Amino acid sequence: MSSTIHCHSPIPILTYHQVTEAPSRGTAFRSLSVSPGDFAQQMAFLHGLGYHGLSITALLPYLRGERQGKVFGITFDDGYLNNLTHALPVLQWYGFSSTCYVVSGLLGQTNTWDAAMGVPPSELMSASHLRQWVAGRQEVGAHTRKHVHLRELDAAACNAQITLCKEDLEHVTGTAVGHFCYPYGEFTQEHVAMVKQADYVTATTTRRGRCRSGDNLLELPRVPVLRSTSRPLLWWKLVSQYEDRRRE
């Protein structure tokens, strides 16, 4: 067998939040709302370039260096209903899959964790919606029970948020939940160990950059897509070191 180490292309995992029209100017986190039209154009653009959008499970062989291809990951944080209504039909049209990280203790409620910052409430998917999401060949990941700041909780509370979220979502969807996302991108090595102990296969962060074969699967960087992200910039984020240079 050859001992040659092949250089695998870096793999971008895109981060989306809401797929909806942006709230009024001056609203906190307004940049995290990508309009349905922009999202559809972005997916069409990447599909036209020969890229295939994948959920984290489908991306695993690439992350592990077992496969190569023109692929990128698609993730949605928080579990907004507008991901189901606006993003799912587009993903299905292009045969793309994605992973939506869900706050299991707030199903069918709103993004209450943002309220103190003046962010307008936006509906989260209910249990029934999550089952529609999975039936649409998309994936559900875990984002804790209450979208907590893990650094502000004691070990037992952190462990419950991480572990029970997985159990909640597996019970609701009837599918295995193998992927976690750290709320606010905050974590310590203790939290990484808890995620591993809870049998998650991967965990994503808010650290910027593209993934490389050999990266720690429990501390994966991602590529943010914002309201202002043009298609040329999106392409540049995928093919250049633009995001890698911003890696913390």
C-alpha atoms as a PDB file:
ATOM      1  CA  MET A   1       0.000   0.000   0.000  1.00  0.00           C
ATOM      2  CA  SER A   2       1.133   3.506  -0.715  1.00  0.00           C
ATOM      3  CA  SER A   3       2.162   5.566   2.293  1.00  0.00           C
ATOM      4  CA  THR A   4       1.631   8.799   0.389  1.00  0.00           C
ATOM      5  CA  ILE A   5      -0.377  11.371   2.324  1.00  0.00           C
ATOM      6  CA  HIS A   6      -2.920  12.904  -0.004  1.00  0.00           C
ATOM      7  CA  CYS A   7      -3.733  16.578   0.456  1.00  0.00           C
ATOM      8  CA  HIS A   8      -7.485  16.826   0.878  1.00  0.00           C
ATOM      9  CA  SER A   9      -9.278  20.036   0.043  1.00  0.00           C
ATOM     10  CA  PRO A  10     -10.556  22.027   3.027  1.00  0.00           C
ATOM     11  CA  ILE A  11     -14.274  21.469   3.670  1.00  0.00           C
ATOM     12  CA  PRO A  12     -16.501  24.441   4.489  1.00  0.00           C
ATOM     13  CA  ILE A  13     -19.457  23.970   6.850  1.00  0.00           C
ATOM     14  CA  LEU A  14     -21.880  26.852   6.301  1.00  0.00           C
ATOM     15  CA  THR A  15     -23.712  28.353   9.281  1.00  0.00           C
ATOM     16  CA  TYR A  16     -27.214  29.785   8.872  1.00  0.00           C
ATOM     17  CA  HIS A  17     -29.691  30.910  11.497  1.00  0.00           C
ATOM     18  CA  GLN A  18     -32.985  32.346  10.257  1.00  0.00           C
ATOM     19  CA  VAL A  19     -34.116  32.140   6.641  1.00  0.00           C
ATOM     20  CA  THR A  20     -36.502  35.071   6.643  1.00  0.00           C
ATOM     21  CA  GLU A  21     -36.669  38.763   5.822  1.00  0.00           C
ATOM     22  CA  ALA A  22     -34.468  40.795   8.163  1.00  0.00           C
ATOM     23  CA  PRO A  23     -36.052  42.641  11.099  1.00  0.00           C
ATOM     24  CA  SER A  24     -35.969  46.433  11.159  1.00  0.00           C
ATOM     25  CA  ARG A  25     -32.678  48.294  10.918  1.00  0.00           C
ATOM     26  CA  GLY A  26     -30.888  48.561  14.253  1.00  0.00           C
ATOM     27  CA  THR A  27     -32.216  45.251  15.593  1.00  0.00           C
ATOM     28  CA  ALA A  28     -29.567  43.107  17.303  1.00  0.00           C
ATOM     29  CA  PHE A  29     -28.339  40.130  15.251  1.00  0.00           C
ATOM     30  CA  ARG A  30     -30.153  41.425  12.167  1.00  0.00           C
ATOM     31  CA  SER A  31     -27.235  40.084  10.129  1.00  0.00           C
ATOM     32  CA  LEU A  32     -28.200  36.505  11.052  1.00  0.00           C
ATOM     33  CA  SER A  33     -31.375  36.655   8.938  1.00  0.00           C
ATOM     34  CA  VAL A  34     -30.818  35.563   5.335  1.00  0.00           C
ATOM     35  CA  SER A  35     -33.815  36.263   3.108  1.00  0.00           C
ATOM     36  CA  PRO A  36     -35.574  33.293   1.458  1.00  0.00           C
ATOM     37  CA  GLY A  37     -34.697  34.716  -1.960  1.00  0.00           C
ATOM     38  CA  ASP A  38     -31.006  35.050  -1.100  1.00  0.00           C
ATOM     39  CA  PHE A  39     -30.900  31.543   0.358  1.00  0.00           C
ATOM     40  CA  ALA A  40     -32.478  30.092  -2.791  1.00  0.00           C
ATOM     41  CA  GLN A  41     -30.010  32.003  -4.988  1.00  0.00           C
ATOM     42  CA  GLN A  42     -27.051  30.856  -2.890  1.00  0.00           C
ATOM     43  CA  MET A  43     -28.039  27.200  -3.159  1.00  0.00           C
ATOM     44  CA  ALA A  44     -28.670  27.571  -6.906  1.00  0.00           C
ATOM     45  CA  PHE A  45     -25.298  29.273  -7.321  1.00  0.00           C
ATOM     46  CA  LEU A  46     -23.367  26.565  -5.444  1.00  0.00           C
ATOM     47  CA  HIS A  47     -25.266  23.791  -7.219  1.00  0.00           C
ATOM     48  CA  GLY A  48     -24.431  25.448 -10.537  1.00  0.00           C
ATOM     49  CA  LEU A  49     -20.739  25.416  -9.595  1.00  0.00           C
ATOM     50  CA  GLY A  50     -20.965  21.659  -9.074  1.00  0.00           C
ATOM     51  CA  TYR A  51     -21.052  21.656  -5.283  1.00  0.00           C
ATOM     52  CA  HIS A  52     -23.179  19.275  -3.233  1.00  0.00           C
ATOM     53  CA  GLY A  53     -24.584  20.438   0.114  1.00  0.00           C
ATOM     54  CA  LEU A  54     -24.530  17.827   2.867  1.00  0.00           C
ATOM     55  CA  SER A  55     -25.688  17.227   6.421  1.00  0.00           C
ATOM     56  CA  ILE A  56     -22.993  16.565   9.004  1.00  0.00           C
ATOM     57  CA  THR A  57     -23.617  12.809   8.895  1.00  0.00           C
ATOM     58  CA  ALA A  58     -23.265  12.779   5.099  1.00  0.00           C
ATOM     59  CA  LEU A  59     -20.166  14.967   5.394  1.00  0.00           C
ATOM     60  CA  LEU A  60     -18.416  12.648   7.887  1.00  0.00           C
ATOM     61  CA  PRO A  61     -16.512  10.536   5.324  1.00  0.00           C
ATOM     62  CA  TYR A  62     -15.073  13.758   3.890  1.00  0.00           C
ATOM     63  CA  LEU A  63     -14.218  15.155   7.329  1.00  0.00           C
ATOM     64  CA  ARG A  64     -12.442  11.903   8.138  1.00  0.00           C
ATOM     65  CA  GLY A  65     -10.475  12.014   4.898  1.00  0.00           C
ATOM     66  CA  GLU A  66     -12.121   8.846   3.564  1.00  0.00           C
ATOM     67  CA  ARG A  67     -13.708  10.555   0.575  1.00  0.00           C
ATOM     68  CA  GLN A  68     -13.000  13.584  -1.578  1.00  0.00           C
ATOM     69  CA  GLY A  69     -15.428  15.710  -3.538  1.00  0.00           C
ATOM     70  CA  LYS A  70     -16.845  19.137  -4.194  1.00  0.00           C
ATOM     71  CA  VAL A  71     -18.937  19.253  -1.027  1.00  0.00           C
ATOM     72  CA  PHE A  72     -19.884  21.647   1.744  1.00  0.00           C
ATOM     73  CA  GLY A  73     -21.818  21.240   4.960  1.00  0.00           C
ATOM     74  CA  ILE A  74     -25.093  23.062   5.625  1.00  0.00           C
ATOM     75  CA  THR A  75     -26.061  23.815   9.226  1.00  0.00           C
ATOM     76  CA  PHE A  76     -28.865  25.841  10.789  1.00  0.00           C
ATOM     77  CA  ASP A  77     -28.611  26.952  14.413  1.00  0.00           C
ATOM     78  CA  ASP A  78     -31.541  27.077  16.858  1.00  0.00           C
ATOM     79  CA  GLY A  79     -34.346  25.288  14.971  1.00  0.00           C
ATOM     80  CA  TYR A  80     -36.424  28.122  13.527  1.00  0.00           C
ATOM     81  CA  LEU A  81     -39.700  27.279  11.826  1.00  0.00           C
ATOM     82  CA  ASN A  82     -38.613  29.435   8.874  1.00  0.00           C
ATOM     83  CA  ASN A  83     -35.895  26.843   8.157  1.00  0.00           C
ATOM     84  CA  LEU A  84     -38.671  24.336   7.474  1.00  0.00           C
ATOM     85  CA  THR A  85     -40.920  26.675   5.503  1.00  0.00           C
ATOM     86  CA  HIS A  86     -38.285  28.525   3.460  1.00  0.00           C
ATOM     87  CA  ALA A  87     -35.113  26.418   3.368  1.00  0.00           C
ATOM     88  CA  LEU A  88     -36.445  22.862   3.129  1.00  0.00           C
ATOM     89  CA  PRO A  89     -38.113  23.211  -0.305  1.00  0.00           C
ATOM     90  CA  VAL A  90     -34.892  24.678  -1.734  1.00  0.00           C
ATOM     91  CA  LEU A  91     -32.729  21.947  -0.222  1.00  0.00           C
ATOM     92  CA  GLN A  92     -35.055  19.289  -1.599  1.00  0.00           C
ATOM     93  CA  TRP A  93     -35.038  20.884  -5.043  1.00  0.00           C
ATOM     94  CA  TYR A  94     -31.248  20.523  -5.308  1.00  0.00           C
ATOM     95  CA  GLY A  95     -31.027  17.195  -3.486  1.00  0.00           C
ATOM     96  CA  PHE A  96     -29.065  18.791  -0.630  1.00  0.00           C
ATOM     97  CA  SER A  97     -29.164  17.665   2.983  1.00  0.00           C
ATOM     98  CA  SER A  98     -28.488  19.734   6.105  1.00  0.00           C
ATOM     99  CA  THR A  99     -28.288  19.571   9.887  1.00  0.00           C
ATOM    100  CA  CYS A 100     -30.468  21.784  12.073  1.00  0.00           C
ATOM    101  CA  TYR A 101     -29.276  22.182  15.663  1.00  0.00           C
ATOM    102  CA  VAL A 102     -32.382  22.316  17.849  1.00  0.00           C
ATOM    103  CA  VAL A 103     -33.027  23.675  21.356  1.00  0.00           C
ATOM    104  CA  SER A 104     -35.028  20.722  22.668  1.00  0.00           C
ATOM    105  CA  GLY A 105     -36.665  22.397  25.673  1.00  0.00           C
ATOM    106  CA  LEU A 106     -38.243  25.176  23.608  1.00  0.00           C
ATOM    107  CA  LEU A 107     -39.958  23.234  20.807  1.00  0.00           C
ATOM    108  CA  GLY A 108     -42.862  25.206  19.352  1.00  0.00           C
ATOM    109  CA  GLN A 109     -41.885  28.280  21.378  1.00  0.00           C
ATOM    110  CA  THR A 110     -39.669  31.230  20.422  1.00  0.00           C
ATOM    111  CA  ASN A 111     -36.034  32.359  20.728  1.00  0.00           C
ATOM    112  CA  THR A 112     -36.507  33.577  24.301  1.00  0.00           C
ATOM    113  CA  TRP A 113     -32.718  33.628  24.896  1.00  0.00           C
ATOM    114  CA  ASP A 114     -32.499  36.636  22.537  1.00  0.00           C
ATOM    115  CA  ALA A 115     -35.314  38.653  24.139  1.00  0.00           C
ATOM    116  CA  ALA A 116     -33.114  40.672  26.504  1.00  0.00           C
ATOM    117  CA  MET A 117     -31.211  42.035  23.491  1.00  0.00           C
ATOM    118  CA  GLY A 118     -34.371  43.268  21.790  1.00  0.00           C
ATOM    119  CA  VAL A 119     -34.478  40.585  19.120  1.00  0.00           C
ATOM    120  CA  PRO A 120     -38.085  40.059  17.939  1.00  0.00           C
ATOM    121  CA  PRO A 121     -39.516  36.627  18.819  1.00  0.00           C
ATOM    122  CA  SER A 122     -39.395  34.090  16.013  1.00  0.00           C
ATOM    123  CA  GLU A 123     -41.184  30.752  16.116  1.00  0.00           C
ATOM    124  CA  LEU A 124     -39.177  27.582  16.644  1.00  0.00           C
ATOM    125  CA  MET A 125     -40.100  24.217  15.141  1.00  0.00           C
ATOM    126  CA  SER A 126     -42.445  22.043  17.177  1.00  0.00           C
ATOM    127  CA  ALA A 127     -42.126  18.260  17.579  1.00  0.00           C
ATOM    128  CA  SER A 128     -44.412  17.819  14.573  1.00  0.00           C
ATOM    129  CA  HIS A 129     -42.321  20.240  12.509  1.00  0.00           C
ATOM    130  CA  LEU A 130     -39.131  18.369  13.414  1.00  0.00           C
ATOM    131  CA  ARG A 131     -40.673  15.152  12.153  1.00  0.00           C
ATOM    132  CA  GLN A 132     -41.503  16.942   8.879  1.00  0.00           C
ATOM    133  CA  TRP A 133     -37.900  18.129   8.696  1.00  0.00           C
ATOM    134  CA  VAL A 134     -36.602  14.571   9.112  1.00  0.00           C
ATOM    135  CA  ALA A 135     -39.195  13.240   6.656  1.00  0.00           C
ATOM    136  CA  GLY A 136     -37.774  15.792   4.206  1.00  0.00           C
ATOM    137  CA  ARG A 137     -34.427  13.933   4.456  1.00  0.00           C
ATOM    138  CA  GLN A 138     -32.820  16.529   6.675  1.00  0.00           C
ATOM    139  CA  GLU A 139     -31.039  15.955   9.966  1.00  0.00           C
ATOM    140  CA  VAL A 140     -31.614  17.146  13.531  1.00  0.00           C
ATOM    141  CA  GLY A 141     -28.685  17.972  15.805  1.00  0.00           C
ATOM    142  CA  ALA A 142     -28.587  19.080  19.446  1.00  0.00           C
ATOM    143  CA  HIS A 143     -28.126  22.640  20.753  1.00  0.00           C
ATOM    144  CA  THR A 144     -28.835  22.066  24.487  1.00  0.00           C
ATOM    145  CA  ARG A 145     -32.264  22.159  26.127  1.00  0.00           C
ATOM    146  CA  LYS A 146     -32.486  25.908  26.752  1.00  0.00           C
ATOM    147  CA  HIS A 147     -29.768  27.581  24.603  1.00  0.00           C
ATOM    148  CA  VAL A 148     -27.615  28.103  27.689  1.00  0.00           C
ATOM    149  CA  HIS A 149     -24.221  29.651  28.318  1.00  0.00           C
ATOM    150  CA  LEU A 150     -22.345  26.479  29.244  1.00  0.00           C
ATOM    151  CA  ARG A 151     -19.537  28.463  30.887  1.00  0.00           C
ATOM    152  CA  GLU A 152     -22.030  29.919  33.382  1.00  0.00           C
ATOM    153  CA  LEU A 153     -23.354  26.543  34.602  1.00  0.00           C
ATOM    154  CA  ASP A 154     -21.873  23.965  36.955  1.00  0.00           C
ATOM    155  CA  ALA A 155     -20.749  20.620  35.582  1.00  0.00           C
ATOM    156  CA  ALA A 156     -23.929  18.738  36.478  1.00  0.00           C
ATOM    157  CA  ALA A 157     -26.160  21.348  34.806  1.00  0.00           C
ATOM    158  CA  CYS A 158     -23.970  21.388  31.686  1.00  0.00           C
ATOM    159  CA  ASN A 159     -24.030  17.624  31.468  1.00  0.00           C
ATOM    160  CA  ALA A 160     -27.827  17.601  31.731  1.00  0.00           C
ATOM    161  CA  GLN A 161     -28.184  20.239  28.988  1.00  0.00           C
ATOM    162  CA  ILE A 162     -25.879  18.296  26.677  1.00  0.00           C
ATOM    163  CA  THR A 163     -27.073  14.756  27.374  1.00  0.00           C
ATOM    164  CA  LEU A 164     -30.807  15.247  27.841  1.00  0.00           C
ATOM    165  CA  CYS A 165     -31.110  17.352  24.682  1.00  0.00           C
ATOM    166  CA  LYS A 166     -29.947  14.323  22.710  1.00  0.00           C
ATOM    167  CA  GLU A 167     -32.473  12.078  24.471  1.00  0.00           C
ATOM    168  CA  ASP A 168     -35.301  14.592  23.950  1.00  0.00           C
ATOM    169  CA  LEU A 169     -34.656  14.897  20.228  1.00  0.00           C
ATOM    170  CA  GLU A 170     -34.201  11.180  19.649  1.00  0.00           C
ATOM    171  CA  HIS A 171     -37.514  10.565  21.384  1.00  0.00           C
ATOM    172  CA  VAL A 172     -39.288  13.225  19.295  1.00  0.00           C
ATOM    173  CA  THR A 173     -37.832  12.308  15.902  1.00  0.00           C
ATOM    174  CA  GLY A 174     -37.313   8.568  16.285  1.00  0.00           C
ATOM    175  CA  THR A 175     -33.842   9.003  14.753  1.00  0.00           C
ATOM    176  CA  ALA A 176     -30.342   8.979  16.208  1.00  0.00           C
ATOM    177  CA  VAL A 177     -28.959  12.409  17.096  1.00  0.00           C
ATOM    178  CA  GLY A 178     -25.201  12.283  16.739  1.00  0.00           C
ATOM    179  CA  HIS A 179     -24.199  15.914  16.337  1.00  0.00           C
ATOM    180  CA  PHE A 180     -23.964  18.817  18.777  1.00  0.00           C
ATOM    181  CA  CYS A 181     -23.458  22.566  18.460  1.00  0.00           C
ATOM    182  CA  TYR A 182     -22.149  24.700  21.342  1.00  0.00           C
ATOM    183  CA  PRO A 183     -24.585  27.579  22.034  1.00  0.00           C
ATOM    184  CA  TYR A 184     -22.967  30.985  21.478  1.00  0.00           C
ATOM    185  CA  GLY A 185     -19.878  29.026  20.412  1.00  0.00           C
ATOM    186  CA  GLU A 186     -18.850  28.875  24.086  1.00  0.00           C
ATOM    187  CA  PHE A 187     -17.131  25.788  25.475  1.00  0.00           C
ATOM    188  CA  THR A 188     -14.201  24.496  27.505  1.00  0.00           C
ATOM    189  CA  GLN A 189     -12.350  21.198  27.248  1.00  0.00           C
ATOM    190  CA  GLU A 190     -14.595  19.943  30.052  1.00  0.00           C
ATOM    191  CA  HIS A 191     -17.612  20.533  27.805  1.00  0.00           C
ATOM    192  CA  VAL A 192     -15.881  18.767  24.900  1.00  0.00           C
ATOM    193  CA  ALA A 193     -15.356  15.761  27.185  1.00  0.00           C
ATOM    194  CA  MET A 194     -19.056  15.802  28.135  1.00  0.00           C
ATOM    195  CA  VAL A 195     -20.092  15.890  24.488  1.00  0.00           C
ATOM    196  CA  LYS A 196     -17.846  12.907  23.802  1.00  0.00           C
ATOM    197  CA  GLN A 197     -19.196  11.044  26.844  1.00  0.00           C
ATOM    198  CA  ALA A 198     -22.762  11.640  25.590  1.00  0.00           C
ATOM    199  CA  ASP A 199     -21.839   9.768  22.385  1.00  0.00           C
ATOM    200  CA  TYR A 200     -22.017  12.670  19.971  1.00  0.00           C
ATOM    201  CA  VAL A 201     -19.890  12.041  16.874  1.00  0.00           C
ATOM    202  CA  THR A 202     -19.212  15.702  16.062  1.00  0.00           C
ATOM    203  CA  ALA A 203     -19.657  19.146  17.566  1.00  0.00           C
ATOM    204  CA  THR A 204     -19.526  22.462  15.743  1.00  0.00           C
ATOM    205  CA  THR A 205     -18.307  25.801  17.030  1.00  0.00           C
ATOM    206  CA  THR A 206     -18.498  29.434  15.936  1.00  0.00           C
ATOM    207  CA  ARG A 207     -14.752  29.462  15.250  1.00  0.00           C
ATOM    208  CA  ARG A 208     -14.296  30.579  11.690  1.00  0.00           C
ATOM    209  CA  GLY A 209     -12.523  28.523   9.081  1.00  0.00           C
ATOM    210  CA  ARG A 210     -12.877  25.513   6.821  1.00  0.00           C
ATOM    211  CA  CYS A 211     -12.462  21.986   8.154  1.00  0.00           C
ATOM    212  CA  ARG A 212      -9.478  19.870   7.319  1.00  0.00           C
ATOM    213  CA  SER A 213      -9.064  16.138   7.446  1.00  0.00           C
ATOM    214  CA  GLY A 214      -7.625  15.382  10.885  1.00  0.00           C
ATOM    215  CA  ASP A 215      -9.403  18.245  12.683  1.00  0.00           C
ATOM    216  CA  ASN A 216     -10.918  17.402  16.063  1.00  0.00           C
ATOM    217  CA  LEU A 217     -14.478  16.347  15.179  1.00  0.00           C
ATOM    218  CA  LEU A 218     -15.734  17.770  18.494  1.00  0.00           C
ATOM    219  CA  GLU A 219     -14.395  21.285  17.767  1.00  0.00           C
ATOM    220  CA  LEU A 220     -15.251  21.865  14.103  1.00  0.00           C
ATOM    221  CA  PRO A 221     -14.966  25.397  12.709  1.00  0.00           C
ATOM    222  CA  ARG A 222     -17.628  26.819  10.397  1.00  0.00           C
ATOM    223  CA  VAL A 223     -18.195  29.477   7.753  1.00  0.00           C
ATOM    224  CA  PRO A 224     -20.858  32.072   8.640  1.00  0.00           C
ATOM    225  CA  VAL A 225     -23.378  33.145   5.996  1.00  0.00           C
ATOM    226  CA  LEU A 226     -24.875  36.523   6.844  1.00  0.00           C
ATOM    227  CA  ARG A 227     -27.548  38.772   5.440  1.00  0.00           C
ATOM    228  CA  SER A 228     -24.830  40.755   3.642  1.00  0.00           C
ATOM    229  CA  THR A 229     -22.980  37.730   2.179  1.00  0.00           C
ATOM    230  CA  SER A 230     -22.993  38.167  -1.600  1.00  0.00           C
ATOM    231  CA  ARG A 231     -22.633  35.210  -3.936  1.00  0.00           C
ATOM    232  CA  PRO A 232     -19.083  36.202  -4.990  1.00  0.00           C
ATOM    233  CA  LEU A 233     -18.103  36.455  -1.306  1.00  0.00           C
ATOM    234  CA  LEU A 234     -19.766  33.106  -0.562  1.00  0.00           C
ATOM    235  CA  TRP A 235     -17.717  31.510  -3.334  1.00  0.00           C
ATOM    236  CA  TRP A 236     -14.546  33.177  -2.005  1.00  0.00           C
ATOM    237  CA  LYS A 237     -15.295  31.874   1.515  1.00  0.00           C
ATOM    238  CA  LEU A 238     -15.447  28.346   0.087  1.00  0.00           C
ATOM    239  CA  VAL A 239     -12.377  28.309  -2.169  1.00  0.00           C
ATOM    240  CA  SER A 240      -9.877  30.638  -0.484  1.00  0.00           C
ATOM    241  CA  GLN A 241      -8.271  31.143   2.925  1.00  0.00           C
ATOM    242  CA  TYR A 242     -10.630  34.046   3.629  1.00  0.00           C
ATOM    243  CA  GLU A 243     -12.275  32.250   6.575  1.00  0.00           C
ATOM    244  CA  ASP A 244      -9.208  30.256   7.620  1.00  0.00           C
ATOM    245  CA  ARG A 245      -7.389  33.523   8.368  1.00  0.00           C
ATOM    246  CA  ARG A 246     -10.215  34.482  10.724  1.00  0.00           C
ATOM    247  CA  ARG A 247      -9.897  31.282  12.728  1.00  0.00           C
ATOM    248  CA  GLU A 248      -9.504  32.196  16.378  1.00  0.00           C
END
